[in-house]
PDB file of N, CA and C in Angstrom:
ATOM      1  N   UNK A   1      17.332  -2.925 -14.772  1.00  0.00           N
ATOM      2  CA  UNK A   1      16.503  -2.496 -13.654  1.00  0.00           C
ATOM      3  C   UNK A   1      15.174  -3.251 -13.691  1.00  0.00           C
ATOM      4  N   UNK A   2      14.753  -3.787 -12.555  1.00  0.00           N
ATOM      5  CA  UNK A   2      13.504  -4.544 -12.481  1.00  0.00           C
ATOM      6  C   UNK A   2      12.303  -3.615 -12.319  1.00  0.00           C
ATOM      7  N   UNK A   3      11.208  -4.012 -12.927  1.00  0.00           N
ATOM      8  CA  UNK A   3       9.961  -3.269 -12.771  1.00  0.00           C
ATOM      9  C   UNK A   3       9.346  -3.617 -11.423  1.00  0.00           C
ATOM     10  N   UNK A   4       8.914  -2.636 -10.650  1.00  0.00           N
ATOM     11  CA  UNK A   4       8.316  -2.923  -9.337  1.00  0.00           C
ATOM     12  C   UNK A   4       7.025  -3.730  -9.467  1.00  0.00           C
ATOM     13  N   UNK A   5       6.882  -4.722  -8.602  1.00  0.00           N
ATOM     14  CA  UNK A   5       5.634  -5.478  -8.534  1.00  0.00           C
ATOM     15  C   UNK A   5       4.611  -4.742  -7.680  1.00  0.00           C
ATOM     16  N   UNK A   6       5.078  -4.111  -6.620  1.00  0.00           N
ATOM     17  CA  UNK A   6       4.198  -3.382  -5.705  1.00  0.00           C
ATOM     18  C   UNK A   6       4.788  -2.001  -5.473  1.00  0.00           C
ATOM     19  N   UNK A   7       3.938  -0.991  -5.600  1.00  0.00           N
ATOM     20  CA  UNK A   7       4.380   0.383  -5.372  1.00  0.00           C
ATOM     21  C   UNK A   7       3.358   1.118  -4.507  1.00  0.00           C
ATOM     22  N   UNK A   8       3.858   1.992  -3.672  1.00  0.00           N
ATOM     23  CA  UNK A   8       3.031   2.964  -2.960  1.00  0.00           C
ATOM     24  C   UNK A   8       3.537   4.333  -3.386  1.00  0.00           C
ATOM     25  N   UNK A   9       2.622   5.185  -3.820  1.00  0.00           N
ATOM     26  CA  UNK A   9       2.991   6.512  -4.323  1.00  0.00           C
ATOM     27  C   UNK A   9       2.286   7.569  -3.478  1.00  0.00           C
ATOM     28  N   UNK A  10       3.087   8.345  -2.739  1.00  0.00           N
ATOM     29  CA  UNK A  10       2.571   9.416  -1.873  1.00  0.00           C
ATOM     30  C   UNK A  10       1.411   8.932  -1.009  1.00  0.00           C
ATOM     31  N   UNK A  11       1.577   7.761  -0.432  1.00  0.00           N
ATOM     32  CA  UNK A  11       0.523   7.116   0.344  1.00  0.00           C
ATOM     33  C   UNK A  11       0.390   7.759   1.723  1.00  0.00           C
ATOM     34  N   UNK A  12      -0.839   8.079   2.064  1.00  0.00           N
ATOM     35  CA  UNK A  12      -1.149   8.618   3.389  1.00  0.00           C
ATOM     36  C   UNK A  12      -2.234   7.738   3.999  1.00  0.00           C
ATOM     37  N   UNK A  13      -2.019   7.362   5.256  1.00  0.00           N
ATOM     38  CA  UNK A  13      -2.983   6.556   5.983  1.00  0.00           C
ATOM     39  C   UNK A  13      -3.301   7.285   7.283  1.00  0.00           C
ATOM     40  N   UNK A  14      -4.587   7.500   7.510  1.00  0.00           N
ATOM     41  CA  UNK A  14      -5.012   8.233   8.700  1.00  0.00           C
ATOM     42  C   UNK A  14      -6.226   7.552   9.315  1.00  0.00           C
ATOM     43  N   UNK A  15      -6.379   7.786  10.588  1.00  0.00           N
ATOM     44  CA  UNK A  15      -7.584   7.410  11.325  1.00  0.00           C
ATOM     45  C   UNK A  15      -8.129   8.721  11.888  1.00  0.00           C
ATOM     46  N   UNK A  16      -9.368   8.739  12.331  1.00  0.00           N
ATOM     47  CA  UNK A  16      -9.921  10.008  12.831  1.00  0.00           C
ATOM     48  C   UNK A  16      -8.995  10.681  13.859  1.00  0.00           C
ATOM     49  N   UNK A  17      -8.592  11.890  13.520  1.00  0.00           N
ATOM     50  CA  UNK A  17      -7.783  12.690  14.430  1.00  0.00           C
ATOM     51  C   UNK A  17      -6.297  12.405  14.413  1.00  0.00           C
ATOM     52  N   UNK A  18      -5.829  11.494  13.525  1.00  0.00           N
ATOM     53  CA  UNK A  18      -4.410  11.134  13.570  1.00  0.00           C
ATOM     54  C   UNK A  18      -3.917  10.635  12.208  1.00  0.00           C
ATOM     55  N   UNK A  19      -2.822  11.216  11.722  1.00  0.00           N
ATOM     56  CA  UNK A  19      -2.155  10.722  10.517  1.00  0.00           C
ATOM     57  C   UNK A  19      -1.096   9.720  10.971  1.00  0.00           C
ATOM     58  N   UNK A  20      -1.203   8.478  10.478  1.00  0.00           N
ATOM     59  CA  UNK A  20      -0.262   7.439  10.880  1.00  0.00           C
ATOM     60  C   UNK A  20       0.907   7.316   9.910  1.00  0.00           C
ATOM     61  N   UNK A  21       0.631   7.454   8.617  1.00  0.00           N
ATOM     62  CA  UNK A  21       1.670   7.354   7.595  1.00  0.00           C
ATOM     63  C   UNK A  21       1.463   8.503   6.619  1.00  0.00           C
ATOM     64  N   UNK A  22       2.526   9.237   6.335  1.00  0.00           N
ATOM     65  CA  UNK A  22       2.407  10.419   5.487  1.00  0.00           C
ATOM     66  C   UNK A  22       3.412  10.333   4.333  1.00  0.00           C
ATOM     67  N   UNK A  23       2.901  10.423   3.097  1.00  0.00           N
ATOM     68  CA  UNK A  23       3.721  10.500   1.884  1.00  0.00           C
ATOM     69  C   UNK A  23       4.708   9.344   1.739  1.00  0.00           C
ATOM     70  N   UNK A  24       4.243   8.122   1.965  1.00  0.00           N
ATOM     71  CA  UNK A  24       5.088   6.939   1.820  1.00  0.00           C
ATOM     72  C   UNK A  24       5.348   6.661   0.344  1.00  0.00           C
ATOM     73  N   UNK A  25       6.606   6.478   0.001  1.00  0.00           N
ATOM     74  CA  UNK A  25       7.038   6.056  -1.335  1.00  0.00           C
ATOM     75  C   UNK A  25       7.706   4.697  -1.155  1.00  0.00           C
ATOM     76  N   UNK A  26       7.203   3.690  -1.878  1.00  0.00           N
ATOM     77  CA  UNK A  26       7.688   2.323  -1.698  1.00  0.00           C
ATOM     78  C   UNK A  26       7.671   1.621  -3.042  1.00  0.00           C
ATOM     79  N   UNK A  27       8.734   0.904  -3.372  1.00  0.00           N
ATOM     80  CA  UNK A  27       8.792   0.070  -4.570  1.00  0.00           C
ATOM     81  C   UNK A  27       9.422  -1.256  -4.188  1.00  0.00           C
ATOM     82  N   UNK A  28       8.725  -2.334  -4.499  1.00  0.00           N
ATOM     83  CA  UNK A  28       9.226  -3.675  -4.204  1.00  0.00           C
ATOM     84  C   UNK A  28       9.260  -4.457  -5.513  1.00  0.00           C
ATOM     85  N   UNK A  29      10.417  -5.013  -5.838  1.00  0.00           N
ATOM     86  CA  UNK A  29      10.558  -5.829  -7.042  1.00  0.00           C
ATOM     87  C   UNK A  29      10.578  -7.302  -6.649  1.00  0.00           C
ATOM     88  N   UNK A  30      10.378  -8.171  -7.623  1.00  0.00           N
ATOM     89  CA  UNK A  30      10.375  -9.601  -7.363  1.00  0.00           C
ATOM     90  C   UNK A  30      11.661 -10.062  -6.695  1.00  0.00           C
ATOM     91  N   UNK A  31      11.537 -10.925  -5.707  1.00  0.00           N
ATOM     92  CA  UNK A  31      12.692 -11.462  -5.005  1.00  0.00           C
ATOM     93  C   UNK A  31      13.136 -10.651  -3.800  1.00  0.00           C
ATOM     94  N   UNK A  32      12.590  -9.473  -3.628  1.00  0.00           N
ATOM     95  CA  UNK A  32      12.958  -8.652  -2.474  1.00  0.00           C
ATOM     96  C   UNK A  32      12.156  -9.066  -1.247  1.00  0.00           C
ATOM     97  N   UNK A  33      12.744  -8.854  -0.099  1.00  0.00           N
ATOM     98  CA  UNK A  33      12.071  -9.058   1.177  1.00  0.00           C
ATOM     99  C   UNK A  33      11.985  -7.716   1.880  1.00  0.00           C
ATOM    100  N   UNK A  34      10.931  -7.540   2.652  1.00  0.00           N
ATOM    101  CA  UNK A  34      10.712  -6.287   3.355  1.00  0.00           C
ATOM    102  C   UNK A  34      10.305  -6.597   4.782  1.00  0.00           C
ATOM    103  N   UNK A  35      10.899  -5.911   5.731  1.00  0.00           N
ATOM    104  CA  UNK A  35      10.509  -6.034   7.129  1.00  0.00           C
ATOM    105  C   UNK A  35       9.794  -4.745   7.526  1.00  0.00           C
ATOM    106  N   UNK A  36       8.701  -4.892   8.231  1.00  0.00           N
ATOM    107  CA  UNK A  36       7.923  -3.743   8.687  1.00  0.00           C
ATOM    108  C   UNK A  36       7.977  -3.732  10.210  1.00  0.00           C
ATOM    109  N   UNK A  37       8.652  -2.733  10.752  1.00  0.00           N
ATOM    110  CA  UNK A  37       8.869  -2.646  12.194  1.00  0.00           C
ATOM    111  C   UNK A  37       8.262  -1.362  12.740  1.00  0.00           C
ATOM    112  N   UNK A  38       7.798  -1.419  13.967  1.00  0.00           N
ATOM    113  CA  UNK A  38       7.276  -0.231  14.628  1.00  0.00           C
ATOM    114  C   UNK A  38       6.553  -0.614  15.901  1.00  0.00           C
ATOM    115  N   UNK A  39       6.317   0.369  16.714  1.00  0.00           N
ATOM    116  CA  UNK A  39       5.639   0.143  17.979  1.00  0.00           C
ATOM    117  C   UNK A  39       4.149  -0.099  17.805  1.00  0.00           C
ATOM    118  N   UNK A  40       3.500  -0.414  18.911  1.00  0.00           N
ATOM    119  CA  UNK A  40       2.050  -0.626  18.905  1.00  0.00           C
ATOM    120  C   UNK A  40       1.339   0.657  18.485  1.00  0.00           C
ATOM    121  N   UNK A  41       0.324   0.506  17.630  1.00  0.00           N
ATOM    122  CA  UNK A  41      -0.502   1.644  17.253  1.00  0.00           C
ATOM    123  C   UNK A  41       0.122   2.605  16.262  1.00  0.00           C
ATOM    124  N   UNK A  42       1.177   2.181  15.561  1.00  0.00           N
ATOM    125  CA  UNK A  42       1.847   3.092  14.627  1.00  0.00           C
ATOM    126  C   UNK A  42       1.383   2.936  13.184  1.00  0.00           C
ATOM    127  N   UNK A  43       0.499   1.973  12.900  1.00  0.00           N
ATOM    128  CA  UNK A  43      -0.076   1.847  11.562  1.00  0.00           C
ATOM    129  C   UNK A  43       0.440   0.700  10.716  1.00  0.00           C
ATOM    130  N   UNK A  44       1.173  -0.235  11.297  1.00  0.00           N
ATOM    131  CA  UNK A  44       1.717  -1.354  10.515  1.00  0.00           C
ATOM    132  C   UNK A  44       0.602  -2.189   9.881  1.00  0.00           C
ATOM    133  N   UNK A  45      -0.367  -2.585  10.660  1.00  0.00           N
ATOM    134  CA  UNK A  45      -1.463  -3.412  10.140  1.00  0.00           C
ATOM    135  C   UNK A  45      -2.316  -2.639   9.144  1.00  0.00           C
ATOM    136  N   UNK A  46      -2.575  -1.374   9.409  1.00  0.00           N
ATOM    137  CA  UNK A  46      -3.338  -0.563   8.462  1.00  0.00           C
ATOM    138  C   UNK A  46      -2.587  -0.406   7.147  1.00  0.00           C
ATOM    139  N   UNK A  47      -1.265  -0.268   7.212  1.00  0.00           N
ATOM    140  CA  UNK A  47      -0.466  -0.183   5.993  1.00  0.00           C
ATOM    141  C   UNK A  47      -0.592  -1.469   5.184  1.00  0.00           C
ATOM    142  N   UNK A  48      -0.467  -2.612   5.835  1.00  0.00           N
ATOM    143  CA  UNK A  48      -0.573  -3.884   5.118  1.00  0.00           C
ATOM    144  C   UNK A  48      -1.959  -4.072   4.521  1.00  0.00           C
ATOM    145  N   UNK A  49      -2.995  -3.704   5.252  1.00  0.00           N
ATOM    146  CA  UNK A  49      -4.361  -3.797   4.715  1.00  0.00           C
ATOM    147  C   UNK A  49      -4.552  -2.869   3.516  1.00  0.00           C
ATOM    148  N   UNK A  50      -3.951  -1.697   3.571  1.00  0.00           N
ATOM    149  CA  UNK A  50      -4.054  -0.748   2.466  1.00  0.00           C
ATOM    150  C   UNK A  50      -3.291  -1.264   1.248  1.00  0.00           C
ATOM    151  N   UNK A  51      -2.089  -1.781   1.458  1.00  0.00           N
ATOM    152  CA  UNK A  51      -1.308  -2.326   0.348  1.00  0.00           C
ATOM    153  C   UNK A  51      -1.997  -3.527  -0.295  1.00  0.00           C
ATOM    154  N   UNK A  52      -2.773  -4.275   0.495  1.00  0.00           N
ATOM    155  CA  UNK A  52      -3.502  -5.437  -0.026  1.00  0.00           C
ATOM    156  C   UNK A  52      -4.823  -5.045  -0.685  1.00  0.00           C
ATOM    157  N   UNK A  53      -5.191  -3.776  -0.592  1.00  0.00           N
ATOM    158  CA  UNK A  53      -6.445  -3.323  -1.194  1.00  0.00           C
ATOM    159  C   UNK A  53      -7.666  -3.585  -0.343  1.00  0.00           C
ATOM    160  N   UNK A  54      -7.474  -3.877   0.926  1.00  0.00           N
ATOM    161  CA  UNK A  54      -8.588  -4.178   1.831  1.00  0.00           C
ATOM    162  C   UNK A  54      -9.189  -2.940   2.473  1.00  0.00           C
ATOM    163  N   UNK A  55      -8.500  -1.827   2.384  1.00  0.00           N
ATOM    164  CA  UNK A  55      -9.009  -0.548   2.882  1.00  0.00           C
ATOM    165  C   UNK A  55      -8.442   0.548   1.998  1.00  0.00           C
ATOM    166  N   UNK A  56      -9.173   1.625   1.830  1.00  0.00           N
ATOM    167  CA  UNK A  56      -8.665   2.699   0.976  1.00  0.00           C
ATOM    168  C   UNK A  56      -7.612   3.541   1.698  1.00  0.00           C
ATOM    169  N   UNK A  57      -6.704   4.085   0.928  1.00  0.00           N
ATOM    170  CA  UNK A  57      -5.736   5.032   1.479  1.00  0.00           C
ATOM    171  C   UNK A  57      -6.435   6.377   1.647  1.00  0.00           C
ATOM    172  N   UNK A  58      -5.988   7.153   2.600  1.00  0.00           N
ATOM    173  CA  UNK A  58      -6.505   8.502   2.771  1.00  0.00           C
ATOM    174  C   UNK A  58      -6.104   9.365   1.579  1.00  0.00           C
ATOM    175  N   UNK A  59      -4.917   9.097   1.065  1.00  0.00           N
ATOM    176  CA  UNK A  59      -4.386   9.844  -0.079  1.00  0.00           C
ATOM    177  C   UNK A  59      -3.329   8.974  -0.741  1.00  0.00           C
ATOM    178  N   UNK A  60      -3.061   9.195  -2.018  1.00  0.00           N
ATOM    179  CA  UNK A  60      -2.024   8.459  -2.723  1.00  0.00           C
ATOM    180  C   UNK A  60      -2.577   7.244  -3.437  1.00  0.00           C
ATOM    181  N   UNK A  61      -1.660   6.394  -3.896  1.00  0.00           N
ATOM    182  CA  UNK A  61      -2.061   5.262  -4.718  1.00  0.00           C
ATOM    183  C   UNK A  61      -1.187   4.049  -4.431  1.00  0.00           C
ATOM    184  N   UNK A  62      -1.815   2.880  -4.510  1.00  0.00           N
ATOM    185  CA  UNK A  62      -1.114   1.604  -4.451  1.00  0.00           C
ATOM    186  C   UNK A  62      -1.211   0.991  -5.842  1.00  0.00           C
ATOM    187  N   UNK A  63      -0.074   0.546  -6.370  1.00  0.00           N
ATOM    188  CA  UNK A  63      -0.036  -0.071  -7.699  1.00  0.00           C
ATOM    189  C   UNK A  63       0.490  -1.494  -7.583  1.00  0.00           C
ATOM    190  N   UNK A  64      -0.169  -2.401  -8.257  1.00  0.00           N
ATOM    191  CA  UNK A  64       0.259  -3.789  -8.319  1.00  0.00           C
ATOM    192  C   UNK A  64       0.569  -4.098  -9.771  1.00  0.00           C
ATOM    193  N   UNK A  65       1.830  -4.403 -10.044  1.00  0.00           N
ATOM    194  CA  UNK A  65       2.294  -4.682 -11.404  1.00  0.00           C
ATOM    195  C   UNK A  65       1.922  -3.540 -12.362  1.00  0.00           C
ATOM    196  N   UNK A  66       2.036  -2.302 -11.867  1.00  0.00           N
ATOM    197  CA  UNK A  66       1.805  -1.120 -12.682  1.00  0.00           C
ATOM    198  C   UNK A  66       0.376  -0.618 -12.739  1.00  0.00           C
ATOM    199  N   UNK A  67      -0.585  -1.407 -12.253  1.00  0.00           N
ATOM    200  CA  UNK A  67      -1.994  -0.998 -12.272  1.00  0.00           C
ATOM    201  C   UNK A  67      -2.416  -0.508 -10.900  1.00  0.00           C
ATOM    202  N   UNK A  68      -3.208   0.551 -10.875  1.00  0.00           N
ATOM    203  CA  UNK A  68      -3.771   1.014  -9.610  1.00  0.00           C
ATOM    204  C   UNK A  68      -4.607  -0.097  -8.998  1.00  0.00           C
ATOM    205  N   UNK A  69      -4.468  -0.301  -7.717  1.00  0.00           N
ATOM    206  CA  UNK A  69      -5.143  -1.421  -7.066  1.00  0.00           C
ATOM    207  C   UNK A  69      -6.663  -1.329  -7.203  1.00  0.00           C
ATOM    208  N   UNK A  70      -7.192  -0.117  -7.383  1.00  0.00           N
ATOM    209  CA  UNK A  70      -8.620   0.054  -7.596  1.00  0.00           C
ATOM    210  C   UNK A  70      -9.076  -0.445  -8.960  1.00  0.00           C
ATOM    211  N   UNK A  71      -8.138  -0.628  -9.896  1.00  0.00           N
ATOM    212  CA  UNK A  71      -8.475  -1.123 -11.227  1.00  0.00           C
ATOM    213  C   UNK A  71      -8.579  -2.642 -11.276  1.00  0.00           C
ATOM    214  N   UNK A  72      -8.103  -3.299 -10.241  1.00  0.00           N
ATOM    215  CA  UNK A  72      -8.133  -4.761 -10.204  1.00  0.00           C
ATOM    216  C   UNK A  72      -9.451  -5.238  -9.638  1.00  0.00           C
ATOM    217  N   UNK A  73      -9.867  -6.429 -10.001  1.00  0.00           N
ATOM    218  CA  UNK A  73     -11.084  -6.995  -9.451  1.00  0.00           C
ATOM    219  C   UNK A  73     -10.803  -8.415  -8.968  1.00  0.00           C
ATOM    220  N   UNK A  74     -11.655  -8.913  -8.092  1.00  0.00           N
ATOM    221  CA  UNK A  74     -11.421 -10.201  -7.432  1.00  0.00           C
ATOM    222  C   UNK A  74     -11.810 -11.400  -8.269  1.00  0.00           C
ATOM    223  N   UNK A  75     -12.715 -11.250  -9.189  1.00  0.00           N
ATOM    224  CA  UNK A  75     -13.179 -12.419  -9.934  1.00  0.00           C
ATOM    225  C   UNK A  75     -13.294 -12.161 -11.405  1.00  0.00           C
ATOM    226  N   UNK A  76     -13.763 -13.170 -12.140  1.00  0.00           N
ATOM    227  CA  UNK A  76     -13.922 -13.005 -13.586  1.00  0.00           C
ATOM    228  C   UNK A  76     -15.046 -12.029 -13.909  1.00  0.00           C
ATOM    229  N   UNK A  77     -14.907 -11.373 -15.044  1.00  0.00           N
ATOM    230  CA  UNK A  77     -15.955 -10.443 -15.499  1.00  0.00           C
ATOM    231  C   UNK A  77     -17.200 -11.219 -15.903  1.00  0.00           C
ATOM    232  N   UNK A  78     -18.391 -10.645 -15.679  1.00  0.00           N
ATOM    233  CA  UNK A  78     -19.627 -11.341 -16.072  1.00  0.00           C
ATOM    234  C   UNK A  78     -19.775 -11.445 -17.575  1.00  0.00           C
TER     235      UNK A  78
END
């Protein structure tokens, strides 16, 4: 069994007055492809931004190679 490279655990994404994604569970291992489909305004772009660490999730956690995305940093330590 392969270890997931990217995981979403009980991920919730909301905007004021509206929950777009509720309790998403996602595991992607190396070599897998994923298609994200949905209508306009359903949260596809917000989900991708959240998975990339560009915006915080309303609830839940995104993990990259087993580490919470909040534990990662963009550059070298001082």
